[in-house]
Amino acid sequence: MDGWIRLHRKIIESAIWDKPPLYMKVWMFLLISAQHTPYKGLRRGQMSLSIPDIIEGCKWRVGARTERPTKDQVYQIIDWLRKPDEGGRESNARATMITTTKATHGMLIEVVNYAVYQDKEE
């Protein structure tokens, strides 16, 4: 995979910063996986992924062993990204980060405000 994404310093002020590290890893994976230009029917900021795709994309190594998040963990994170809980920081407590739609193979995920996160002008 080539290219880059922008990561704003304000992320430390968002509710995801207070969550366990796997939340941030899934969020980063989604930002990296999102289309940066329209491609094959997907708009900018959208991607077509399945839960197994996310699990495989967010695995990590512990010595020689490969660890993977569970389906339940990924579902919980996706659900939180769709509607963050009210226990977050006041400024971004209810900001929706993604929307999801069931698709034939997996789901269509759209990063809400993708242009805000990734436009070069910002």
C-alpha atoms as a PDB file:
ATOM      1  CA  MET A   1       0.000   0.000   0.000  1.00  0.00           C
ATOM      2  CA  ASP A   2       1.447   3.348  -1.037  1.00  0.00           C
ATOM      3  CA  GLY A   3       0.576   6.862   0.012  1.00  0.00           C
ATOM      4  CA  TRP A   4      -0.078   8.635   3.257  1.00  0.00           C
ATOM      5  CA  ILE A   5      -2.833   9.996   5.467  1.00  0.00           C
ATOM      6  CA  ARG A   6      -2.985  13.096   7.611  1.00  0.00           C
ATOM      7  CA  LEU A   7      -3.198  12.734  11.365  1.00  0.00           C
ATOM      8  CA  HIS A   8      -4.064  15.920  13.204  1.00  0.00           C
ATOM      9  CA  ARG A   9      -2.636  16.666  16.633  1.00  0.00           C
ATOM     10  CA  LYS A  10      -6.170  17.363  17.868  1.00  0.00           C
ATOM     11  CA  ILE A  11      -6.764  13.613  17.981  1.00  0.00           C
ATOM     12  CA  ILE A  12      -5.496  13.680  21.558  1.00  0.00           C
ATOM     13  CA  GLU A  13      -8.507  15.865  22.382  1.00  0.00           C
ATOM     14  CA  SER A  14     -11.001  13.410  20.883  1.00  0.00           C
ATOM     15  CA  ALA A  15     -12.931  10.688  22.697  1.00  0.00           C
ATOM     16  CA  ILE A  16     -11.056   7.902  20.889  1.00  0.00           C
ATOM     17  CA  TRP A  17      -7.833   8.924  22.629  1.00  0.00           C
ATOM     18  CA  ASP A  18      -9.325   7.810  25.955  1.00  0.00           C
ATOM     19  CA  LYS A  19     -10.294   4.370  24.614  1.00  0.00           C
ATOM     20  CA  PRO A  20      -8.077   1.231  24.609  1.00  0.00           C
ATOM     21  CA  PRO A  21      -5.330   1.159  21.911  1.00  0.00           C
ATOM     22  CA  LEU A  22      -7.266  -1.242  19.653  1.00  0.00           C
ATOM     23  CA  TYR A  23      -9.863   1.497  19.006  1.00  0.00           C
ATOM     24  CA  MET A  24      -7.147   3.769  17.624  1.00  0.00           C
ATOM     25  CA  LYS A  25      -5.664   0.942  15.557  1.00  0.00           C
ATOM     26  CA  VAL A  26      -9.038   0.175  13.932  1.00  0.00           C
ATOM     27  CA  TRP A  27      -9.653   3.893  13.314  1.00  0.00           C
ATOM     28  CA  MET A  28      -6.229   4.262  11.664  1.00  0.00           C
ATOM     29  CA  PHE A  29      -6.847   1.131   9.567  1.00  0.00           C
ATOM     30  CA  LEU A  30     -10.144   2.589   8.347  1.00  0.00           C
ATOM     31  CA  LEU A  31      -8.527   5.930   7.466  1.00  0.00           C
ATOM     32  CA  ILE A  32      -5.767   4.132   5.570  1.00  0.00           C
ATOM     33  CA  SER A  33      -8.251   1.836   3.791  1.00  0.00           C
ATOM     34  CA  ALA A  34     -10.621   4.624   2.695  1.00  0.00           C
ATOM     35  CA  GLN A  35     -10.576   5.677  -0.937  1.00  0.00           C
ATOM     36  CA  HIS A  36      -8.701   8.940  -1.415  1.00  0.00           C
ATOM     37  CA  THR A  37     -10.167   9.330  -4.928  1.00  0.00           C
ATOM     38  CA  PRO A  38     -13.376   7.911  -6.439  1.00  0.00           C
ATOM     39  CA  TYR A  39     -12.770   4.294  -7.544  1.00  0.00           C
ATOM     40  CA  LYS A  40     -15.036   1.446  -8.694  1.00  0.00           C
ATOM     41  CA  GLY A  41     -18.245   3.033  -7.446  1.00  0.00           C
ATOM     42  CA  LEU A  42     -16.779   4.131  -4.113  1.00  0.00           C
ATOM     43  CA  ARG A  43     -16.629   7.809  -3.261  1.00  0.00           C
ATOM     44  CA  ARG A  44     -13.792   9.525  -1.482  1.00  0.00           C
ATOM     45  CA  GLY A  45     -13.748   8.413   2.176  1.00  0.00           C
ATOM     46  CA  GLN A  46     -15.617   5.148   1.532  1.00  0.00           C
ATOM     47  CA  MET A  47     -14.412   1.548   1.644  1.00  0.00           C
ATOM     48  CA  SER A  48     -15.909  -1.899   1.319  1.00  0.00           C
ATOM     49  CA  LEU A  49     -14.663  -4.177   4.107  1.00  0.00           C
ATOM     50  CA  SER A  50     -15.787  -7.210   6.045  1.00  0.00           C
ATOM     51  CA  ILE A  51     -15.205  -7.905   9.732  1.00  0.00           C
ATOM     52  CA  PRO A  52     -12.557 -10.546   8.816  1.00  0.00           C
ATOM     53  CA  ASP A  53     -10.784  -7.883   6.680  1.00  0.00           C
ATOM     54  CA  ILE A  54     -10.629  -5.566   9.693  1.00  0.00           C
ATOM     55  CA  ILE A  55      -9.479  -8.381  11.980  1.00  0.00           C
ATOM     56  CA  GLU A  56      -6.690  -9.301   9.568  1.00  0.00           C
ATOM     57  CA  GLY A  57      -5.715  -5.657   9.009  1.00  0.00           C
ATOM     58  CA  CYS A  58      -5.441  -4.986  12.743  1.00  0.00           C
ATOM     59  CA  LYS A  59      -3.470  -8.042  13.834  1.00  0.00           C
ATOM     60  CA  TRP A  60      -0.217  -7.642  15.741  1.00  0.00           C
ATOM     61  CA  ARG A  61       2.815  -9.697  16.703  1.00  0.00           C
ATOM     62  CA  VAL A  62       3.805 -10.808  20.196  1.00  0.00           C
ATOM     63  CA  GLY A  63       7.171 -12.485  19.722  1.00  0.00           C
ATOM     64  CA  ALA A  64       6.614 -15.272  17.182  1.00  0.00           C
ATOM     65  CA  ARG A  65       2.859 -15.377  17.891  1.00  0.00           C
ATOM     66  CA  THR A  66       0.283 -13.432  15.868  1.00  0.00           C
ATOM     67  CA  GLU A  67      -2.612 -11.965  17.874  1.00  0.00           C
ATOM     68  CA  ARG A  68      -5.871 -10.867  16.290  1.00  0.00           C
ATOM     69  CA  PRO A  69      -8.787  -8.883  17.692  1.00  0.00           C
ATOM     70  CA  THR A  70     -11.945 -10.923  18.177  1.00  0.00           C
ATOM     71  CA  LYS A  71     -15.129 -10.419  16.164  1.00  0.00           C
ATOM     72  CA  ASP A  72     -16.808  -9.089  19.294  1.00  0.00           C
ATOM     73  CA  GLN A  73     -14.049  -6.520  19.824  1.00  0.00           C
ATOM     74  CA  VAL A  74     -14.291  -5.328  16.200  1.00  0.00           C
ATOM     75  CA  TYR A  75     -18.111  -5.133  16.375  1.00  0.00           C
ATOM     76  CA  GLN A  76     -17.856  -3.151  19.615  1.00  0.00           C
ATOM     77  CA  ILE A  77     -15.353  -0.708  18.091  1.00  0.00           C
ATOM     78  CA  ILE A  78     -17.359  -0.278  14.864  1.00  0.00           C
ATOM     79  CA  ASP A  79     -20.485   0.338  16.935  1.00  0.00           C
ATOM     80  CA  TRP A  80     -18.639   2.935  19.049  1.00  0.00           C
ATOM     81  CA  LEU A  81     -17.278   4.684  15.937  1.00  0.00           C
ATOM     82  CA  ARG A  82     -20.841   4.917  14.622  1.00  0.00           C
ATOM     83  CA  LYS A  83     -22.077   6.481  17.855  1.00  0.00           C
ATOM     84  CA  PRO A  84     -19.440   7.360  20.472  1.00  0.00           C
ATOM     85  CA  ASP A  85     -20.667   7.155  24.045  1.00  0.00           C
ATOM     86  CA  GLU A  86     -21.422  10.206  26.108  1.00  0.00           C
ATOM     87  CA  GLY A  87     -18.563   9.479  28.488  1.00  0.00           C
ATOM     88  CA  GLY A  88     -16.100  11.092  26.095  1.00  0.00           C
ATOM     89  CA  ARG A  89     -14.647  14.558  26.244  1.00  0.00           C
ATOM     90  CA  GLU A  90     -17.180  17.347  26.004  1.00  0.00           C
ATOM     91  CA  SER A  91     -16.002  18.861  22.714  1.00  0.00           C
ATOM     92  CA  ASN A  92     -16.405  15.672  20.652  1.00  0.00           C
ATOM     93  CA  ALA A  93     -18.588  13.510  22.886  1.00  0.00           C
ATOM     94  CA  ARG A  94     -21.302  12.734  20.309  1.00  0.00           C
ATOM     95  CA  ALA A  95     -19.419  13.189  17.020  1.00  0.00           C
ATOM     96  CA  THR A  96     -20.152  10.279  14.663  1.00  0.00           C
ATOM     97  CA  MET A  97     -16.926   9.105  13.039  1.00  0.00           C
ATOM     98  CA  ILE A  98     -18.267   6.553  10.513  1.00  0.00           C
ATOM     99  CA  THR A  99     -21.471   5.354   8.900  1.00  0.00           C
ATOM    100  CA  THR A 100     -21.995   1.750   7.809  1.00  0.00           C
ATOM    101  CA  THR A 101     -24.304   0.075   5.320  1.00  0.00           C
ATOM    102  CA  LYS A 102     -24.665  -3.662   4.744  1.00  0.00           C
ATOM    103  CA  ALA A 103     -23.293  -4.753   1.376  1.00  0.00           C
ATOM    104  CA  THR A 104     -23.169  -8.020  -0.560  1.00  0.00           C
ATOM    105  CA  HIS A 105     -19.771  -8.983   0.819  1.00  0.00           C
ATOM    106  CA  GLY A 106     -19.222  -7.180   4.119  1.00  0.00           C
ATOM    107  CA  MET A 107     -20.182  -3.588   4.637  1.00  0.00           C
ATOM    108  CA  LEU A 108     -19.782  -0.187   3.062  1.00  0.00           C
ATOM    109  CA  ILE A 109     -18.053   2.087   5.551  1.00  0.00           C
ATOM    110  CA  GLU A 110     -17.845   5.840   5.101  1.00  0.00           C
ATOM    111  CA  VAL A 111     -15.601   8.093   7.160  1.00  0.00           C
ATOM    112  CA  VAL A 112     -17.768  11.050   8.131  1.00  0.00           C
ATOM    113  CA  ASN A 113     -16.010  14.350   7.368  1.00  0.00           C
ATOM    114  CA  TYR A 114     -13.221  12.562   5.467  1.00  0.00           C
ATOM    115  CA  ALA A 115     -12.353  15.806   3.666  1.00  0.00           C
ATOM    116  CA  VAL A 116     -11.920  17.590   7.012  1.00  0.00           C
ATOM    117  CA  TYR A 117      -9.442  14.924   8.099  1.00  0.00           C
ATOM    118  CA  GLN A 118      -7.588  14.500   4.814  1.00  0.00           C
ATOM    119  CA  ASP A 119      -7.751  17.628   2.622  1.00  0.00           C
ATOM    120  CA  LYS A 120      -4.372  19.196   1.949  1.00  0.00           C
ATOM    121  CA  GLU A 121      -5.759  22.716   2.400  1.00  0.00           C
ATOM    122  CA  GLU A 122      -6.738  22.182   6.044  1.00  0.00           C
END
